[in-house]
Amino acid sequence: IIFDSSLAALAIGISLLLYGKVNGVREGTLIAAVLVGMIA
């Protein structure tokens, strides 16, 4: 959980640095983080 959260946070930071806004990380990222492991 900590690893996945860290990756998402880093992705947001990289997006802000490169594009000046959040790209590629949205509510779907959180939903996938919860559902995929649960389904497995």
PDB file of all heavy atoms in Angstrom:
ATOM      1  N   ILE A   1       0.836  -1.203   0.000  1.00  0.00           N
ATOM      2  CA  ILE A   1       0.000   0.000   0.000  1.00  0.00           C
ATOM      3  C   ILE A   1       0.874   1.258   0.000  1.00  0.00           C
ATOM      4  O   ILE A   1       0.628   2.206  -0.749  1.00  0.00           O
ATOM      5  CB  ILE A   1      -0.947   0.001   1.219  1.00  0.00           C
ATOM      6  CG1 ILE A   1      -1.985  -1.117   1.090  1.00  0.00           C
ATOM      7  CG2 ILE A   1      -1.640   1.353   1.358  1.00  0.00           C
ATOM      8  CD1 ILE A   1      -2.846  -1.307   2.314  1.00  0.00           C
ATOM      9  N   ILE A   2       1.905   1.261   0.846  1.00  0.00           N
ATOM     10  CA  ILE A   2       2.820   2.403   0.917  1.00  0.00           C
ATOM     11  C   ILE A   2       3.548   2.582  -0.411  1.00  0.00           C
ATOM     12  O   ILE A   2       3.716   3.703  -0.911  1.00  0.00           O
ATOM     13  CB  ILE A   2       3.830   2.222   2.064  1.00  0.00           C
ATOM     14  CG1 ILE A   2       3.105   2.246   3.410  1.00  0.00           C
ATOM     15  CG2 ILE A   2       4.913   3.297   2.021  1.00  0.00           C
ATOM     16  CD1 ILE A   2       3.988   1.893   4.597  1.00  0.00           C
ATOM     17  N   PHE A   3       3.974   1.475  -1.009  1.00  0.00           N
ATOM     18  CA  PHE A   3       4.682   1.500  -2.289  1.00  0.00           C
ATOM     19  C   PHE A   3       3.792   2.088  -3.385  1.00  0.00           C
ATOM     20  O   PHE A   3       4.200   3.000  -4.113  1.00  0.00           O
ATOM     21  CB  PHE A   3       5.118   0.084  -2.646  1.00  0.00           C
ATOM     22  CG  PHE A   3       5.754  -0.048  -4.001  1.00  0.00           C
ATOM     23  CD1 PHE A   3       6.968   0.565  -4.278  1.00  0.00           C
ATOM     24  CD2 PHE A   3       5.144  -0.800  -4.995  1.00  0.00           C
ATOM     25  CE1 PHE A   3       7.565   0.443  -5.532  1.00  0.00           C
ATOM     26  CE2 PHE A   3       5.731  -0.935  -6.250  1.00  0.00           C
ATOM     27  CZ  PHE A   3       6.940  -0.316  -6.512  1.00  0.00           C
ATOM     28  N   ASP A   4       2.565   1.587  -3.492  1.00  0.00           N
ATOM     29  CA  ASP A   4       1.640   2.079  -4.516  1.00  0.00           C
ATOM     30  C   ASP A   4       1.314   3.556  -4.306  1.00  0.00           C
ATOM     31  O   ASP A   4       1.259   4.337  -5.274  1.00  0.00           O
ATOM     32  CB  ASP A   4       0.344   1.267  -4.500  1.00  0.00           C
ATOM     33  CG  ASP A   4       0.522  -0.123  -5.086  1.00  0.00           C
ATOM     34  OD1 ASP A   4       1.559  -0.371  -5.730  1.00  0.00           O
ATOM     35  OD2 ASP A   4      -0.381  -0.969  -4.887  1.00  0.00           O
ATOM     36  N   SER A   5       1.100   3.942  -3.059  1.00  0.00           N
ATOM     37  CA  SER A   5       0.799   5.344  -2.749  1.00  0.00           C
ATOM     38  C   SER A   5       1.972   6.246  -3.109  1.00  0.00           C
ATOM     39  O   SER A   5       1.785   7.356  -3.635  1.00  0.00           O
ATOM     40  CB  SER A   5       0.457   5.501  -1.268  1.00  0.00           C
ATOM     41  OG  SER A   5      -0.647   4.696  -0.907  1.00  0.00           O
ATOM     42  N   SER A   6       3.171   5.766  -2.842  1.00  0.00           N
ATOM     43  CA  SER A   6       4.377   6.541  -3.154  1.00  0.00           C
ATOM     44  C   SER A   6       4.540   6.725  -4.657  1.00  0.00           C
ATOM     45  O   SER A   6       4.915   7.807  -5.122  1.00  0.00           O
ATOM     46  CB  SER A   6       5.617   5.844  -2.580  1.00  0.00           C
ATOM     47  OG  SER A   6       5.524   5.726  -1.175  1.00  0.00           O
ATOM     48  N   LEU A   7       4.252   5.668  -5.417  1.00  0.00           N
ATOM     49  CA  LEU A   7       4.350   5.760  -6.871  1.00  0.00           C
ATOM     50  C   LEU A   7       3.372   6.789  -7.417  1.00  0.00           C
ATOM     51  O   LEU A   7       3.723   7.607  -8.284  1.00  0.00           O
ATOM     52  CB  LEU A   7       4.067   4.396  -7.510  1.00  0.00           C
ATOM     53  CG  LEU A   7       5.113   3.304  -7.311  1.00  0.00           C
ATOM     54  CD1 LEU A   7       4.675   2.021  -8.005  1.00  0.00           C
ATOM     55  CD2 LEU A   7       6.477   3.746  -7.848  1.00  0.00           C
ATOM     56  N   ALA A   8       2.132   6.756  -6.919  1.00  0.00           N
ATOM     57  CA  ALA A   8       1.121   7.714  -7.371  1.00  0.00           C
ATOM     58  C   ALA A   8       1.529   9.146  -7.012  1.00  0.00           C
ATOM     59  O   ALA A   8       1.383  10.071  -7.824  1.00  0.00           O
ATOM     60  CB  ALA A   8      -0.231   7.376  -6.755  1.00  0.00           C
ATOM     61  N   ALA A   9       2.067   9.333  -5.804  1.00  0.00           N
ATOM     62  CA  ALA A   9       2.507  10.658  -5.370  1.00  0.00           C
ATOM     63  C   ALA A   9       3.676  11.152  -6.224  1.00  0.00           C
ATOM     64  O   ALA A   9       3.714  12.326  -6.623  1.00  0.00           O
ATOM     65  CB  ALA A   9       2.909  10.612  -3.896  1.00  0.00           C
ATOM     66  N   LEU A  10       4.610  10.265  -6.529  1.00  0.00           N
ATOM     67  CA  LEU A  10       5.746  10.631  -7.385  1.00  0.00           C
ATOM     68  C   LEU A  10       5.275  10.975  -8.793  1.00  0.00           C
ATOM     69  O   LEU A  10       5.780  11.913  -9.413  1.00  0.00           O
ATOM     70  CB  LEU A  10       6.754   9.486  -7.438  1.00  0.00           C
ATOM     71  CG  LEU A  10       7.669   9.323  -6.218  1.00  0.00           C
ATOM     72  CD1 LEU A  10       8.467   8.024  -6.323  1.00  0.00           C
ATOM     73  CD2 LEU A  10       8.626  10.510  -6.107  1.00  0.00           C
ATOM     74  N   ALA A  11       4.298  10.217  -9.281  1.00  0.00           N
ATOM     75  CA  ALA A  11       3.759  10.483 -10.611  1.00  0.00           C
ATOM     76  C   ALA A  11       3.119  11.865 -10.672  1.00  0.00           C
ATOM     77  O   ALA A  11       3.274  12.593 -11.655  1.00  0.00           O
ATOM     78  CB  ALA A  11       2.737   9.410 -10.992  1.00  0.00           C
ATOM     79  N   ILE A  12       2.396  12.228  -9.609  1.00  0.00           N
ATOM     80  CA  ILE A  12       1.796  13.563  -9.541  1.00  0.00           C
ATOM     81  C   ILE A  12       2.880  14.634  -9.542  1.00  0.00           C
ATOM     82  O   ILE A  12       2.786  15.645 -10.247  1.00  0.00           O
ATOM     83  CB  ILE A  12       0.908  13.691  -8.283  1.00  0.00           C
ATOM     84  CG1 ILE A  12      -0.336  12.806  -8.417  1.00  0.00           C
ATOM     85  CG2 ILE A  12       0.503  15.150  -8.058  1.00  0.00           C
ATOM     86  CD1 ILE A  12      -1.176  12.731  -7.156  1.00  0.00           C
ATOM     87  N   GLY A  13       3.935  14.419  -8.742  1.00  0.00           N
ATOM     88  CA  GLY A  13       5.041  15.372  -8.677  1.00  0.00           C
ATOM     89  C   GLY A  13       5.734  15.532 -10.021  1.00  0.00           C
ATOM     90  O   GLY A  13       6.037  16.658 -10.453  1.00  0.00           O
ATOM     91  N   ILE A  14       5.976  14.421 -10.703  1.00  0.00           N
ATOM     92  CA  ILE A  14       6.621  14.462 -12.027  1.00  0.00           C
ATOM     93  C   ILE A  14       5.735  15.192 -13.025  1.00  0.00           C
ATOM     94  O   ILE A  14       6.203  15.989 -13.846  1.00  0.00           O
ATOM     95  CB  ILE A  14       6.925  13.032 -12.518  1.00  0.00           C
ATOM     96  CG1 ILE A  14       8.003  12.392 -11.636  1.00  0.00           C
ATOM     97  CG2 ILE A  14       7.371  13.031 -13.978  1.00  0.00           C
ATOM     98  CD1 ILE A  14       8.223  10.919 -11.901  1.00  0.00           C
ATOM     99  N   SER A  15       4.427  14.928 -12.962  1.00  0.00           N
ATOM    100  CA  SER A  15       3.480  15.574 -13.868  1.00  0.00           C
ATOM    101  C   SER A  15       3.457  17.089 -13.658  1.00  0.00           C
ATOM    102  O   SER A  15       3.463  17.866 -14.629  1.00  0.00           O
ATOM    103  CB  SER A  15       2.073  14.996 -13.654  1.00  0.00           C
ATOM    104  OG  SER A  15       1.143  15.596 -14.513  1.00  0.00           O
ATOM    105  N   LEU A  16       3.423  17.509 -12.411  1.00  0.00           N
ATOM    106  CA  LEU A  16       3.436  18.943 -12.111  1.00  0.00           C
ATOM    107  C   LEU A  16       4.726  19.589 -12.582  1.00  0.00           C
ATOM    108  O   LEU A  16       4.724  20.720 -13.098  1.00  0.00           O
ATOM    109  CB  LEU A  16       3.257  19.162 -10.604  1.00  0.00           C
ATOM    110  CG  LEU A  16       1.875  18.856 -10.024  1.00  0.00           C
ATOM    111  CD1 LEU A  16       1.906  18.915  -8.505  1.00  0.00           C
ATOM    112  CD2 LEU A  16       0.829  19.816 -10.582  1.00  0.00           C
ATOM    113  N   LEU A  17       5.833  18.877 -12.426  1.00  0.00           N
ATOM    114  CA  LEU A  17       7.137  19.408 -12.830  1.00  0.00           C
ATOM    115  C   LEU A  17       7.247  19.532 -14.355  1.00  0.00           C
ATOM    116  O   LEU A  17       7.765  20.530 -14.868  1.00  0.00           O
ATOM    117  CB  LEU A  17       8.246  18.497 -12.301  1.00  0.00           C
ATOM    118  CG  LEU A  17       9.689  18.920 -12.591  1.00  0.00           C
ATOM    119  CD1 LEU A  17      10.001  20.237 -11.886  1.00  0.00           C
ATOM    120  CD2 LEU A  17      10.666  17.838 -12.149  1.00  0.00           C
ATOM    121  N   LEU A  18       6.739  18.516 -15.071  1.00  0.00           N
ATOM    122  CA  LEU A  18       6.890  18.487 -16.525  1.00  0.00           C
ATOM    123  C   LEU A  18       5.830  19.292 -17.261  1.00  0.00           C
ATOM    124  O   LEU A  18       6.107  19.944 -18.263  1.00  0.00           O
ATOM    125  CB  LEU A  18       6.858  17.041 -17.029  1.00  0.00           C
ATOM    126  CG  LEU A  18       8.016  16.137 -16.622  1.00  0.00           C
ATOM    127  CD1 LEU A  18       7.783  14.720 -17.132  1.00  0.00           C
ATOM    128  CD2 LEU A  18       9.337  16.672 -17.159  1.00  0.00           C
ATOM    129  N   TYR A  19       4.584  19.212 -16.767  1.00  0.00           N
ATOM    130  CA  TYR A  19       3.469  19.797 -17.517  1.00  0.00           C
ATOM    131  C   TYR A  19       2.781  20.967 -16.809  1.00  0.00           C
ATOM    132  O   TYR A  19       1.912  21.610 -17.394  1.00  0.00           O
ATOM    133  CB  TYR A  19       2.425  18.708 -17.809  1.00  0.00           C
ATOM    134  CG  TYR A  19       3.020  17.420 -18.318  1.00  0.00           C
ATOM    135  CD1 TYR A  19       2.851  16.226 -17.615  1.00  0.00           C
ATOM    136  CD2 TYR A  19       3.779  17.382 -19.486  1.00  0.00           C
ATOM    137  CE1 TYR A  19       3.409  15.037 -18.064  1.00  0.00           C
ATOM    138  CE2 TYR A  19       4.341  16.204 -19.950  1.00  0.00           C
ATOM    139  CZ  TYR A  19       4.155  15.027 -19.233  1.00  0.00           C
ATOM    140  OH  TYR A  19       4.711  13.859 -19.673  1.00  0.00           O
ATOM    141  N   GLY A  20       3.136  21.188 -15.552  1.00  0.00           N
ATOM    142  CA  GLY A  20       2.513  22.269 -14.812  1.00  0.00           C
ATOM    143  C   GLY A  20       1.113  21.951 -14.326  1.00  0.00           C
ATOM    144  O   GLY A  20       0.407  22.812 -13.809  1.00  0.00           O
ATOM    145  N   LYS A  21       0.687  20.712 -14.507  1.00  0.00           N
ATOM    146  CA  LYS A  21      -0.624  20.257 -14.043  1.00  0.00           C
ATOM    147  C   LYS A  21      -0.574  18.742 -13.862  1.00  0.00           C
ATOM    148  O   LYS A  21       0.389  18.085 -14.264  1.00  0.00           O
ATOM    149  CB  LYS A  21      -1.723  20.623 -15.037  1.00  0.00           C
ATOM    150  CG  LYS A  21      -1.524  20.034 -16.414  1.00  0.00           C
ATOM    151  CD  LYS A  21      -2.647  20.443 -17.365  1.00  0.00           C
ATOM    152  CE  LYS A  21      -2.451  19.826 -18.749  1.00  0.00           C
ATOM    153  NZ  LYS A  21      -3.553  20.210 -19.679  1.00  0.00           N
ATOM    154  N   VAL A  22      -1.611  18.197 -13.258  1.00  0.00           N
ATOM    155  CA  VAL A  22      -1.657  16.750 -13.010  1.00  0.00           C
ATOM    156  C   VAL A  22      -2.206  16.049 -14.240  1.00  0.00           C
ATOM    157  O   VAL A  22      -3.357  16.266 -14.631  1.00  0.00           O
ATOM    158  CB  VAL A  22      -2.526  16.415 -11.773  1.00  0.00           C
ATOM    159  CG1 VAL A  22      -2.589  14.902 -11.586  1.00  0.00           C
ATOM    160  CG2 VAL A  22      -1.956  17.079 -10.532  1.00  0.00           C
ATOM    161  N   ASN A  23      -1.389  15.222 -14.862  1.00  0.00           N
ATOM    162  CA  ASN A  23      -1.782  14.410 -16.008  1.00  0.00           C
ATOM    163  C   ASN A  23      -1.563  12.937 -15.677  1.00  0.00           C
ATOM    164  O   ASN A  23      -0.538  12.570 -15.103  1.00  0.00           O
ATOM    165  CB  ASN A  23      -0.947  14.746 -17.253  1.00  0.00           C
ATOM    166  CG  ASN A  23      -1.461  15.969 -17.971  1.00  0.00           C
ATOM    167  OD1 ASN A  23      -2.624  16.332 -17.841  1.00  0.00           O
ATOM    168  ND2 ASN A  23      -0.598  16.624 -18.744  1.00  0.00           N
ATOM    169  N   GLY A  24      -2.517  12.097 -16.053  1.00  0.00           N
ATOM    170  CA  GLY A  24      -2.308  10.651 -15.938  1.00  0.00           C
ATOM    171  C   GLY A  24      -2.635  10.049 -14.590  1.00  0.00           C
ATOM    172  O   GLY A  24      -2.646   8.821 -14.450  1.00  0.00           O
ATOM    173  N   VAL A  25      -2.853  10.869 -13.580  1.00  0.00           N
ATOM    174  CA  VAL A  25      -3.212  10.371 -12.248  1.00  0.00           C
ATOM    175  C   VAL A  25      -4.533  11.021 -11.851  1.00  0.00           C
ATOM    176  O   VAL A  25      -4.592  12.238 -11.652  1.00  0.00           O
ATOM    177  CB  VAL A  25      -2.129  10.690 -11.196  1.00  0.00           C
ATOM    178  CG1 VAL A  25      -2.522  10.113  -9.837  1.00  0.00           C
ATOM    179  CG2 VAL A  25      -0.780  10.138 -11.627  1.00  0.00           C
ATOM    180  N   ARG A  26      -5.570  10.179 -11.769  1.00  0.00           N
ATOM    181  CA  ARG A  26      -6.894  10.697 -11.436  1.00  0.00           C
ATOM    182  C   ARG A  26      -7.597   9.730 -10.486  1.00  0.00           C
ATOM    183  O   ARG A  26      -6.961   8.866  -9.882  1.00  0.00           O
ATOM    184  CB  ARG A  26      -7.715  10.903 -12.717  1.00  0.00           C
ATOM    185  CG  ARG A  26      -7.264  12.067 -13.587  1.00  0.00           C
ATOM    186  CD  ARG A  26      -8.151  12.255 -14.800  1.00  0.00           C
ATOM    187  NE  ARG A  26      -9.566  12.389 -14.417  1.00  0.00           N
ATOM    188  CZ  ARG A  26     -10.536  12.509 -15.303  1.00  0.00           C
ATOM    189  NH1 ARG A  26     -10.265  12.502 -16.606  1.00  0.00           N
ATOM    190  NH2 ARG A  26     -11.802  12.630 -14.897  1.00  0.00           N
ATOM    191  N   GLU A  27      -8.922   9.885 -10.401  1.00  0.00           N
ATOM    192  CA  GLU A  27      -9.681   9.028  -9.497  1.00  0.00           C
ATOM    193  C   GLU A  27      -9.578   7.555  -9.881  1.00  0.00           C
ATOM    194  O   GLU A  27      -9.677   6.671  -9.027  1.00  0.00           O
ATOM    195  CB  GLU A  27     -11.150   9.464  -9.461  1.00  0.00           C
ATOM    196  CG  GLU A  27     -11.899   9.358 -10.790  1.00  0.00           C
ATOM    197  CD  GLU A  27     -11.811  10.596 -11.636  1.00  0.00           C
ATOM    198  OE1 GLU A  27     -10.799  11.331 -11.524  1.00  0.00           O
ATOM    199  OE2 GLU A  27     -12.735  10.837 -12.424  1.00  0.00           O
ATOM    200  N   GLY A  28      -9.340   7.295 -11.179  1.00  0.00           N
ATOM    201  CA  GLY A  28      -9.189   5.919 -11.632  1.00  0.00           C
ATOM    202  C   GLY A  28      -7.982   5.232 -11.015  1.00  0.00           C
ATOM    203  O   GLY A  28      -7.988   4.016 -10.817  1.00  0.00           O
ATOM    204  N   THR A  29      -6.950   6.013 -10.701  1.00  0.00           N
ATOM    205  CA  THR A  29      -5.753   5.462 -10.063  1.00  0.00           C
ATOM    206  C   THR A  29      -6.090   4.929  -8.676  1.00  0.00           C
ATOM    207  O   THR A  29      -5.665   3.838  -8.291  1.00  0.00           O
ATOM    208  CB  THR A  29      -4.661   6.546  -9.957  1.00  0.00           C
ATOM    209  OG1 THR A  29      -4.401   7.081 -11.263  1.00  0.00           O
ATOM    210  CG2 THR A  29      -3.373   5.962  -9.391  1.00  0.00           C
ATOM    211  N   LEU A  30      -6.877   5.705  -7.926  1.00  0.00           N
ATOM    212  CA  LEU A  30      -7.292   5.286  -6.591  1.00  0.00           C
ATOM    213  C   LEU A  30      -8.222   4.076  -6.665  1.00  0.00           C
ATOM    214  O   LEU A  30      -8.080   3.115  -5.895  1.00  0.00           O
ATOM    215  CB  LEU A  30      -7.982   6.444  -5.869  1.00  0.00           C
ATOM    216  CG  LEU A  30      -8.528   6.155  -4.467  1.00  0.00           C
ATOM    217  CD1 LEU A  30      -7.396   5.727  -3.536  1.00  0.00           C
ATOM    218  CD2 LEU A  30      -9.243   7.380  -3.912  1.00  0.00           C
ATOM    219  N   ILE A  31      -9.174   4.120  -7.614  1.00  0.00           N
ATOM    220  CA  ILE A  31     -10.106   3.006  -7.767  1.00  0.00           C
ATOM    221  C   ILE A  31      -9.367   1.727  -8.116  1.00  0.00           C
ATOM    222  O   ILE A  31      -9.634   0.650  -7.562  1.00  0.00           O
ATOM    223  CB  ILE A  31     -11.162   3.338  -8.849  1.00  0.00           C
ATOM    224  CG1 ILE A  31     -12.065   4.476  -8.378  1.00  0.00           C
ATOM    225  CG2 ILE A  31     -12.005   2.106  -9.183  1.00  0.00           C
ATOM    226  CD1 ILE A  31     -13.004   5.001  -9.438  1.00  0.00           C
ATOM    227  N   ALA A  32      -8.407   1.812  -9.035  1.00  0.00           N
ATOM    228  CA  ALA A  32      -7.613   0.638  -9.423  1.00  0.00           C
ATOM    229  C   ALA A  32      -6.803   0.117  -8.249  1.00  0.00           C
ATOM    230  O   ALA A  32      -6.678  -1.099  -8.059  1.00  0.00           O
ATOM    231  CB  ALA A  32      -6.694   0.992 -10.593  1.00  0.00           C
ATOM    232  N   ALA A  33      -6.244   1.030  -7.458  1.00  0.00           N
ATOM    233  CA  ALA A  33      -5.439   0.626  -6.306  1.00  0.00           C
ATOM    234  C   ALA A  33      -6.254  -0.200  -5.316  1.00  0.00           C
ATOM    235  O   ALA A  33      -5.753  -1.153  -4.716  1.00  0.00           O
ATOM    236  CB  ALA A  33      -4.869   1.864  -5.610  1.00  0.00           C
ATOM    237  N   VAL A  34      -7.526   0.148  -5.168  1.00  0.00           N
ATOM    238  CA  VAL A  34      -8.395  -0.564  -4.222  1.00  0.00           C
ATOM    239  C   VAL A  34      -8.962  -1.842  -4.827  1.00  0.00           C
ATOM    240  O   VAL A  34      -8.916  -2.919  -4.213  1.00  0.00           O
ATOM    241  CB  VAL A  34      -9.553   0.359  -3.766  1.00  0.00           C
ATOM    242  CG1 VAL A  34     -10.536  -0.430  -2.901  1.00  0.00           C
ATOM    243  CG2 VAL A  34      -9.010   1.554  -2.999  1.00  0.00           C
ATOM    244  N   LEU A  35      -9.470  -1.752  -6.056  1.00  0.00           N
ATOM    245  CA  LEU A  35     -10.218  -2.861  -6.646  1.00  0.00           C
ATOM    246  C   LEU A  35      -9.355  -4.022  -7.118  1.00  0.00           C
ATOM    247  O   LEU A  35      -9.727  -5.187  -6.944  1.00  0.00           O
ATOM    248  CB  LEU A  35     -11.062  -2.355  -7.819  1.00  0.00           C
ATOM    249  CG  LEU A  35     -12.336  -1.597  -7.482  1.00  0.00           C
ATOM    250  CD1 LEU A  35     -13.125  -1.306  -8.751  1.00  0.00           C
ATOM    251  CD2 LEU A  35     -13.206  -2.390  -6.511  1.00  0.00           C
ATOM    252  N   VAL A  36      -8.219  -3.742  -7.736  1.00  0.00           N
ATOM    253  CA  VAL A  36      -7.421  -4.808  -8.349  1.00  0.00           C
ATOM    254  C   VAL A  36      -6.988  -5.854  -7.327  1.00  0.00           C
ATOM    255  O   VAL A  36      -7.173  -7.060  -7.520  1.00  0.00           O
ATOM    256  CB  VAL A  36      -6.194  -4.229  -9.077  1.00  0.00           C
ATOM    257  CG1 VAL A  36      -5.270  -5.360  -9.545  1.00  0.00           C
ATOM    258  CG2 VAL A  36      -6.633  -3.393 -10.272  1.00  0.00           C
ATOM    259  N   GLY A  37      -6.433  -5.394  -6.215  1.00  0.00           N
ATOM    260  CA  GLY A  37      -6.013  -6.328  -5.174  1.00  0.00           C
ATOM    261  C   GLY A  37      -7.191  -7.067  -4.568  1.00  0.00           C
ATOM    262  O   GLY A  37      -7.110  -8.262  -4.277  1.00  0.00           O
ATOM    263  N   MET A  38      -8.315  -6.358  -4.396  1.00  0.00           N
ATOM    264  CA  MET A  38      -9.507  -6.971  -3.840  1.00  0.00           C
ATOM    265  C   MET A  38     -10.029  -8.079  -4.753  1.00  0.00           C
ATOM    266  O   MET A  38     -10.382  -9.170  -4.299  1.00  0.00           O
ATOM    267  CB  MET A  38     -10.588  -5.896  -3.642  1.00  0.00           C
ATOM    268  CG  MET A  38     -11.860  -6.401  -2.962  1.00  0.00           C
ATOM    269  SD  MET A  38     -13.129  -5.090  -2.888  1.00  0.00           S
ATOM    270  CE  MET A  38     -12.244  -3.835  -1.950  1.00  0.00           C
ATOM    271  N   ILE A  39     -10.058  -7.806  -6.064  1.00  0.00           N
ATOM    272  CA  ILE A  39     -10.535  -8.796  -7.033  1.00  0.00           C
ATOM    273  C   ILE A  39      -9.618 -10.012  -7.050  1.00  0.00           C
ATOM    274  O   ILE A  39     -10.083 -11.159  -7.068  1.00  0.00           O
ATOM    275  CB  ILE A  39     -10.624  -8.163  -8.434  1.00  0.00           C
ATOM    276  CG1 ILE A  39     -11.770  -7.149  -8.470  1.00  0.00           C
ATOM    277  CG2 ILE A  39     -10.835  -9.228  -9.513  1.00  0.00           C
ATOM    278  CD1 ILE A  39     -11.771  -6.269  -9.702  1.00  0.00           C
ATOM    279  N   ALA A  40      -8.308  -9.785  -7.029  1.00  0.00           N
ATOM    280  CA  ALA A  40      -7.350 -10.889  -7.032  1.00  0.00           C
ATOM    281  C   ALA A  40      -7.523 -11.771  -5.795  1.00  0.00           C
ATOM    282  O   ALA A  40      -7.482 -13.002  -5.876  1.00  0.00           O
ATOM    283  CB  ALA A  40      -5.923 -10.352  -7.109  1.00  0.00           C
TER     284      ALA A  40
END
